[in-house]
Amino acid sequence: MSTAEPPRPSGGDDDIDAEFARLTQGLDLGGEAEDAAEESAPFTVEDIIVGGDDEEPAIAVVATSVASAKALAGAIRLGREARTDGADIPAGARVHDTGMGAIAVGALQEDAAHELAAVTSTALQRNGVVLFWRKGDRMTATRYKAGERGDDVSPAIVMGAMDEVVEQLMLGSADVATLGEGYDPAVLTRDEALAWIAKGRKGR
């Protein structure tokens, strides 16, 4: 003999949360609460939406006019050293060659993407860079120069001046894995960075 379910609420965000709490009652959703306040706090639909936001895949591409990926990797390493605000090279960032200038690429969330662009442009004082960033259906393009954030621009307008691989990455027809291993600027020593920059100036 089954027990009748309690009536289900309807209408409004509060009712949706109440229904979600009813359906998950008795389930272990992450262990015991550390205190009575946490134990009594309801687990809502909003908690899942907010908590999962950073898990959505994202990609960042910093497009430059530097001819050599090795030279750009060396410059980014020195750019980190020149920063006075603690900005660092995000984990997972790699540098790759393209037919129209080296790019720094990573599967980075928005804050990390802008940090990579700031560090990169710090090293390239005379040459600006463009940060392309995409997450889901949202795509942005932002200019950086001398370590400072500039204007946001239309990705469609500036993308036409870049190598086609930038467009492929932004539209999802290529991903970071298809580019190969690339160069990790974070692991370079200062001497290696200087040597890579000097070699890049002499041509690839």
C-alpha atoms as a PDB file:
ATOM      1  CA  MET A   1       0.000   0.000   0.000  1.00  0.00           C
ATOM      2  CA  SER A   2       1.595   3.292  -1.088  1.00  0.00           C
ATOM      3  CA  THR A   3       1.562   6.464   0.943  1.00  0.00           C
ATOM      4  CA  ALA A   4      -0.049   9.485  -0.708  1.00  0.00           C
ATOM      5  CA  GLU A   5       2.446  12.177  -1.705  1.00  0.00           C
ATOM      6  CA  PRO A   6       2.012  15.644  -0.198  1.00  0.00           C
ATOM      7  CA  PRO A   7       0.388  18.172  -2.518  1.00  0.00           C
ATOM      8  CA  ARG A   8       2.826  19.778  -4.984  1.00  0.00           C
ATOM      9  CA  PRO A   9       3.124  23.584  -5.006  1.00  0.00           C
ATOM     10  CA  SER A  10       2.685  25.443  -8.252  1.00  0.00           C
ATOM     11  CA  GLY A  11       3.617  28.870  -9.589  1.00  0.00           C
ATOM     12  CA  GLY A  12       6.530  31.179  -8.826  1.00  0.00           C
ATOM     13  CA  ASP A  13      10.249  30.749  -8.181  1.00  0.00           C
ATOM     14  CA  ASP A  14       9.677  30.059  -4.465  1.00  0.00           C
ATOM     15  CA  ASP A  15       7.363  27.203  -5.351  1.00  0.00           C
ATOM     16  CA  ILE A  16       9.941  25.747  -7.772  1.00  0.00           C
ATOM     17  CA  ASP A  17      12.520  25.754  -4.999  1.00  0.00           C
ATOM     18  CA  ALA A  18      10.051  24.199  -2.587  1.00  0.00           C
ATOM     19  CA  GLU A  19       9.247  21.438  -5.080  1.00  0.00           C
ATOM     20  CA  PHE A  20      12.946  20.762  -5.661  1.00  0.00           C
ATOM     21  CA  ALA A  21      13.491  20.525  -1.901  1.00  0.00           C
ATOM     22  CA  ARG A  22      10.581  18.069  -1.635  1.00  0.00           C
ATOM     23  CA  LEU A  23      11.980  15.823  -4.352  1.00  0.00           C
ATOM     24  CA  THR A  24      15.467  15.748  -2.807  1.00  0.00           C
ATOM     25  CA  GLN A  25      14.332  15.267   0.778  1.00  0.00           C
ATOM     26  CA  GLY A  26      16.298  12.494   2.427  1.00  0.00           C
ATOM     27  CA  LEU A  27      19.027  12.382  -0.212  1.00  0.00           C
ATOM     28  CA  ASP A  28      22.713  12.874   0.669  1.00  0.00           C
ATOM     29  CA  LEU A  29      23.711  15.903  -1.429  1.00  0.00           C
ATOM     30  CA  GLY A  30      27.182  16.464  -0.041  1.00  0.00           C
ATOM     31  CA  GLY A  31      27.528  15.099   3.477  1.00  0.00           C
ATOM     32  CA  GLU A  32      26.407  16.315   6.853  1.00  0.00           C
ATOM     33  CA  ALA A  33      26.173  20.045   7.490  1.00  0.00           C
ATOM     34  CA  GLU A  34      28.835  21.560   9.703  1.00  0.00           C
ATOM     35  CA  ASP A  35      26.287  23.281  11.881  1.00  0.00           C
ATOM     36  CA  ALA A  36      22.558  23.406  12.479  1.00  0.00           C
ATOM     37  CA  ALA A  37      22.127  26.508  10.291  1.00  0.00           C
ATOM     38  CA  GLU A  38      23.621  24.778   7.264  1.00  0.00           C
ATOM     39  CA  GLU A  39      21.614  21.641   8.018  1.00  0.00           C
ATOM     40  CA  SER A  40      18.343  23.523   7.948  1.00  0.00           C
ATOM     41  CA  ALA A  41      19.124  25.604   4.833  1.00  0.00           C
ATOM     42  CA  PRO A  42      17.106  24.358   1.821  1.00  0.00           C
ATOM     43  CA  PHE A  43      18.938  23.232  -1.339  1.00  0.00           C
ATOM     44  CA  THR A  44      17.367  25.105  -4.238  1.00  0.00           C
ATOM     45  CA  VAL A  45      17.340  25.065  -8.035  1.00  0.00           C
ATOM     46  CA  GLU A  46      19.274  28.364  -7.969  1.00  0.00           C
ATOM     47  CA  ASP A  47      22.115  26.656  -6.076  1.00  0.00           C
ATOM     48  CA  ILE A  48      22.611  24.241  -8.964  1.00  0.00           C
ATOM     49  CA  ILE A  49      22.427  26.963 -11.641  1.00  0.00           C
ATOM     50  CA  VAL A  50      24.962  29.204  -9.905  1.00  0.00           C
ATOM     51  CA  GLY A  51      27.235  26.377  -8.813  1.00  0.00           C
ATOM     52  CA  GLY A  52      27.530  24.896 -12.295  1.00  0.00           C
ATOM     53  CA  ASP A  53      28.211  28.144 -14.150  1.00  0.00           C
ATOM     54  CA  ASP A  54      32.017  27.929 -13.957  1.00  0.00           C
ATOM     55  CA  GLU A  55      31.920  24.343 -15.190  1.00  0.00           C
ATOM     56  CA  GLU A  56      30.691  25.359 -18.630  1.00  0.00           C
ATOM     57  CA  PRO A  57      33.560  25.110 -21.149  1.00  0.00           C
ATOM     58  CA  ALA A  58      35.166  28.370 -22.215  1.00  0.00           C
ATOM     59  CA  ILE A  59      38.005  29.314 -24.530  1.00  0.00           C
ATOM     60  CA  ALA A  60      40.297  32.317 -24.791  1.00  0.00           C
ATOM     61  CA  VAL A  61      42.531  33.371 -27.671  1.00  0.00           C
ATOM     62  CA  VAL A  62      44.969  36.272 -27.404  1.00  0.00           C
ATOM     63  CA  ALA A  63      45.856  37.219 -30.979  1.00  0.00           C
ATOM     64  CA  THR A  64      49.147  39.031 -31.584  1.00  0.00           C
ATOM     65  CA  SER A  65      51.370  40.180 -34.441  1.00  0.00           C
ATOM     66  CA  VAL A  66      54.430  38.376 -33.033  1.00  0.00           C
ATOM     67  CA  ALA A  67      55.903  36.232 -35.793  1.00  0.00           C
ATOM     68  CA  SER A  68      57.121  33.324 -33.645  1.00  0.00           C
ATOM     69  CA  ALA A  69      55.326  31.296 -30.985  1.00  0.00           C
ATOM     70  CA  LYS A  70      58.610  30.823 -29.137  1.00  0.00           C
ATOM     71  CA  ALA A  71      59.202  34.567 -29.093  1.00  0.00           C
ATOM     72  CA  LEU A  72      55.670  35.176 -27.813  1.00  0.00           C
ATOM     73  CA  ALA A  73      56.065  32.539 -25.098  1.00  0.00           C
ATOM     74  CA  GLY A  74      59.263  34.234 -23.969  1.00  0.00           C
ATOM     75  CA  ALA A  75      57.606  37.647 -24.006  1.00  0.00           C
ATOM     76  CA  ILE A  76      54.665  36.407 -21.911  1.00  0.00           C
ATOM     77  CA  ARG A  77      57.084  34.966 -19.353  1.00  0.00           C
ATOM     78  CA  LEU A  78      58.807  38.365 -19.055  1.00  0.00           C
ATOM     79  CA  GLY A  79      55.447  40.123 -19.055  1.00  0.00           C
ATOM     80  CA  ARG A  80      54.481  38.264 -15.894  1.00  0.00           C
ATOM     81  CA  GLU A  81      57.726  39.421 -14.282  1.00  0.00           C
ATOM     82  CA  ALA A  82      56.999  43.033 -15.229  1.00  0.00           C
ATOM     83  CA  ARG A  83      53.553  43.091 -13.634  1.00  0.00           C
ATOM     84  CA  THR A  84      53.305  44.791 -10.254  1.00  0.00           C
ATOM     85  CA  ASP A  85      49.745  43.714  -9.483  1.00  0.00           C
ATOM     86  CA  GLY A  86      50.432  39.995  -9.075  1.00  0.00           C
ATOM     87  CA  ALA A  87      48.859  39.030 -12.402  1.00  0.00           C
ATOM     88  CA  ASP A  88      50.055  35.589 -13.428  1.00  0.00           C
ATOM     89  CA  ILE A  89      50.037  33.309 -16.456  1.00  0.00           C
ATOM     90  CA  PRO A  90      46.885  31.180 -16.094  1.00  0.00           C
ATOM     91  CA  ALA A  91      47.395  27.441 -15.822  1.00  0.00           C
ATOM     92  CA  GLY A  92      46.734  25.697 -19.122  1.00  0.00           C
ATOM     93  CA  ALA A  93      47.688  28.631 -21.353  1.00  0.00           C
ATOM     94  CA  ARG A  94      49.761  27.632 -24.378  1.00  0.00           C
ATOM     95  CA  VAL A  95      51.319  29.537 -27.272  1.00  0.00           C
ATOM     96  CA  HIS A  96      50.987  28.438 -30.904  1.00  0.00           C
ATOM     97  CA  ASP A  97      52.095  29.617 -34.328  1.00  0.00           C
ATOM     98  CA  THR A  98      49.578  30.685 -36.970  1.00  0.00           C
ATOM     99  CA  GLY A  99      50.073  32.077 -40.442  1.00  0.00           C
ATOM    100  CA  MET A 100      49.230  35.596 -39.224  1.00  0.00           C
ATOM    101  CA  GLY A 101      50.934  35.881 -35.867  1.00  0.00           C
ATOM    102  CA  ALA A 102      51.378  33.744 -32.791  1.00  0.00           C
ATOM    103  CA  ILE A 103      48.458  33.264 -30.402  1.00  0.00           C
ATOM    104  CA  ALA A 104      48.114  32.431 -26.719  1.00  0.00           C
ATOM    105  CA  VAL A 105      45.267  30.000 -26.126  1.00  0.00           C
ATOM    106  CA  GLY A 106      43.603  28.341 -23.179  1.00  0.00           C
ATOM    107  CA  ALA A 107      40.356  26.828 -21.946  1.00  0.00           C
ATOM    108  CA  LEU A 108      39.996  29.751 -19.538  1.00  0.00           C
ATOM    109  CA  GLN A 109      37.142  31.324 -17.653  1.00  0.00           C
ATOM    110  CA  GLU A 110      36.636  35.056 -18.167  1.00  0.00           C
ATOM    111  CA  ASP A 111      38.798  36.452 -15.345  1.00  0.00           C
ATOM    112  CA  ALA A 112      41.718  34.189 -16.260  1.00  0.00           C
ATOM    113  CA  ALA A 113      41.341  35.098 -19.944  1.00  0.00           C
ATOM    114  CA  HIS A 114      41.669  38.816 -19.179  1.00  0.00           C
ATOM    115  CA  GLU A 115      44.643  38.117 -16.923  1.00  0.00           C
ATOM    116  CA  LEU A 116      46.390  36.310 -19.793  1.00  0.00           C
ATOM    117  CA  ALA A 117      45.699  39.239 -22.130  1.00  0.00           C
ATOM    118  CA  ALA A 118      47.007  41.739 -19.580  1.00  0.00           C
ATOM    119  CA  VAL A 119      50.241  39.801 -19.022  1.00  0.00           C
ATOM    120  CA  THR A 120      50.738  39.288 -22.770  1.00  0.00           C
ATOM    121  CA  SER A 121      50.221  42.927 -23.663  1.00  0.00           C
ATOM    122  CA  THR A 122      52.512  44.060 -20.843  1.00  0.00           C
ATOM    123  CA  ALA A 123      55.384  42.423 -22.688  1.00  0.00           C
ATOM    124  CA  LEU A 124      54.374  43.843 -26.077  1.00  0.00           C
ATOM    125  CA  GLN A 125      54.439  47.515 -25.155  1.00  0.00           C
ATOM    126  CA  ARG A 126      54.325  48.903 -28.702  1.00  0.00           C
ATOM    127  CA  ASN A 127      51.911  46.360 -30.151  1.00  0.00           C
ATOM    128  CA  GLY A 128      48.360  45.855 -29.041  1.00  0.00           C
ATOM    129  CA  VAL A 129      46.669  42.471 -28.782  1.00  0.00           C
ATOM    130  CA  VAL A 130      43.073  41.331 -29.042  1.00  0.00           C
ATOM    131  CA  LEU A 131      41.494  38.952 -26.559  1.00  0.00           C
ATOM    132  CA  PHE A 132      38.749  36.755 -27.984  1.00  0.00           C
ATOM    133  CA  TRP A 133      36.695  34.868 -25.419  1.00  0.00           C
ATOM    134  CA  ARG A 134      33.747  32.502 -25.793  1.00  0.00           C
ATOM    135  CA  LYS A 135      31.553  30.649 -23.359  1.00  0.00           C
ATOM    136  CA  GLY A 136      28.415  28.993 -24.672  1.00  0.00           C
ATOM    137  CA  ASP A 137      26.649  31.462 -26.953  1.00  0.00           C
ATOM    138  CA  ARG A 138      28.507  34.465 -25.555  1.00  0.00           C
ATOM    139  CA  MET A 139      31.508  35.755 -27.500  1.00  0.00           C
ATOM    140  CA  THR A 140      33.533  38.905 -26.799  1.00  0.00           C
ATOM    141  CA  ALA A 141      36.579  40.687 -28.216  1.00  0.00           C
ATOM    142  CA  THR A 142      38.624  43.167 -26.169  1.00  0.00           C
ATOM    143  CA  ARG A 143      41.676  45.222 -27.096  1.00  0.00           C
ATOM    144  CA  TYR A 144      44.669  45.385 -24.752  1.00  0.00           C
ATOM    145  CA  LYS A 145      47.771  47.552 -25.002  1.00  0.00           C
ATOM    146  CA  ALA A 146      50.733  47.984 -22.643  1.00  0.00           C
ATOM    147  CA  GLY A 147      49.030  45.835 -20.049  1.00  0.00           C
ATOM    148  CA  GLU A 148      45.843  47.908 -19.965  1.00  0.00           C
ATOM    149  CA  ARG A 149      42.372  46.881 -21.040  1.00  0.00           C
ATOM    150  CA  GLY A 150      40.954  48.897 -23.916  1.00  0.00           C
ATOM    151  CA  ASP A 151      37.678  48.920 -25.799  1.00  0.00           C
ATOM    152  CA  ASP A 152      35.374  45.993 -26.343  1.00  0.00           C
ATOM    153  CA  VAL A 153      34.851  45.542 -30.082  1.00  0.00           C
ATOM    154  CA  SER A 154      32.682  43.403 -32.313  1.00  0.00           C
ATOM    155  CA  PRO A 155      34.298  39.947 -32.652  1.00  0.00           C
ATOM    156  CA  ALA A 156      32.983  39.656 -36.221  1.00  0.00           C
ATOM    157  CA  ILE A 157      34.727  42.874 -37.275  1.00  0.00           C
ATOM    158  CA  VAL A 158      38.199  42.138 -35.913  1.00  0.00           C
ATOM    159  CA  MET A 159      38.141  38.397 -36.547  1.00  0.00           C
ATOM    160  CA  GLY A 160      38.413  38.961 -40.293  1.00  0.00           C
ATOM    161  CA  ALA A 161      41.922  40.344 -39.818  1.00  0.00           C
ATOM    162  CA  MET A 162      43.098  37.237 -37.951  1.00  0.00           C
ATOM    163  CA  ASP A 163      44.261  33.822 -39.067  1.00  0.00           C
ATOM    164  CA  GLU A 164      41.374  31.463 -39.799  1.00  0.00           C
ATOM    165  CA  VAL A 165      42.313  29.273 -36.841  1.00  0.00           C
ATOM    166  CA  VAL A 166      41.111  32.055 -34.520  1.00  0.00           C
ATOM    167  CA  GLU A 167      37.668  31.959 -36.117  1.00  0.00           C
ATOM    168  CA  GLN A 168      37.636  28.159 -35.996  1.00  0.00           C
ATOM    169  CA  LEU A 169      38.399  28.194 -32.279  1.00  0.00           C
ATOM    170  CA  MET A 170      35.795  30.834 -31.562  1.00  0.00           C
ATOM    171  CA  LEU A 171      33.088  29.091 -33.566  1.00  0.00           C
ATOM    172  CA  GLY A 172      33.881  25.675 -32.122  1.00  0.00           C
ATOM    173  CA  SER A 173      34.948  23.990 -35.359  1.00  0.00           C
ATOM    174  CA  ALA A 174      38.403  23.493 -33.778  1.00  0.00           C
ATOM    175  CA  ASP A 175      39.485  23.129 -30.178  1.00  0.00           C
ATOM    176  CA  VAL A 176      42.686  23.562 -28.212  1.00  0.00           C
ATOM    177  CA  ALA A 177      43.567  19.878 -28.579  1.00  0.00           C
ATOM    178  CA  THR A 178      43.715  20.175 -32.378  1.00  0.00           C
ATOM    179  CA  LEU A 179      46.540  22.737 -32.111  1.00  0.00           C
ATOM    180  CA  GLY A 180      49.009  20.320 -30.562  1.00  0.00           C
ATOM    181  CA  GLU A 181      51.100  20.761 -27.439  1.00  0.00           C
ATOM    182  CA  GLY A 182      52.324  24.317 -28.053  1.00  0.00           C
ATOM    183  CA  TYR A 183      54.638  26.167 -25.666  1.00  0.00           C
ATOM    184  CA  ASP A 184      53.977  26.770 -21.982  1.00  0.00           C
ATOM    185  CA  PRO A 185      55.382  30.217 -21.067  1.00  0.00           C
ATOM    186  CA  ALA A 186      54.942  29.593 -17.348  1.00  0.00           C
ATOM    187  CA  VAL A 187      57.692  26.964 -17.197  1.00  0.00           C
ATOM    188  CA  LEU A 188      60.390  29.094 -18.846  1.00  0.00           C
ATOM    189  CA  THR A 189      63.274  30.559 -16.895  1.00  0.00           C
ATOM    190  CA  ARG A 190      64.191  34.194 -17.471  1.00  0.00           C
ATOM    191  CA  ASP A 191      67.260  33.184 -19.483  1.00  0.00           C
ATOM    192  CA  GLU A 192      65.212  30.822 -21.643  1.00  0.00           C
ATOM    193  CA  ALA A 193      62.640  33.544 -22.250  1.00  0.00           C
ATOM    194  CA  LEU A 194      65.325  35.998 -23.383  1.00  0.00           C
ATOM    195  CA  ALA A 195      66.880  33.374 -25.659  1.00  0.00           C
ATOM    196  CA  TRP A 196      63.532  32.516 -27.243  1.00  0.00           C
ATOM    197  CA  ILE A 197      62.778  36.200 -27.871  1.00  0.00           C
ATOM    198  CA  ALA A 198      66.204  36.740 -29.461  1.00  0.00           C
ATOM    199  CA  LYS A 199      65.757  33.682 -31.666  1.00  0.00           C
ATOM    200  CA  GLY A 200      62.296  34.868 -32.723  1.00  0.00           C
ATOM    201  CA  ARG A 201      63.673  38.235 -33.843  1.00  0.00           C
ATOM    202  CA  LYS A 202      66.040  36.450 -36.196  1.00  0.00           C
ATOM    203  CA  GLY A 203      63.138  34.657 -37.854  1.00  0.00           C
ATOM    204  CA  ARG A 204      61.518  31.285 -37.358  1.00  0.00           C
END
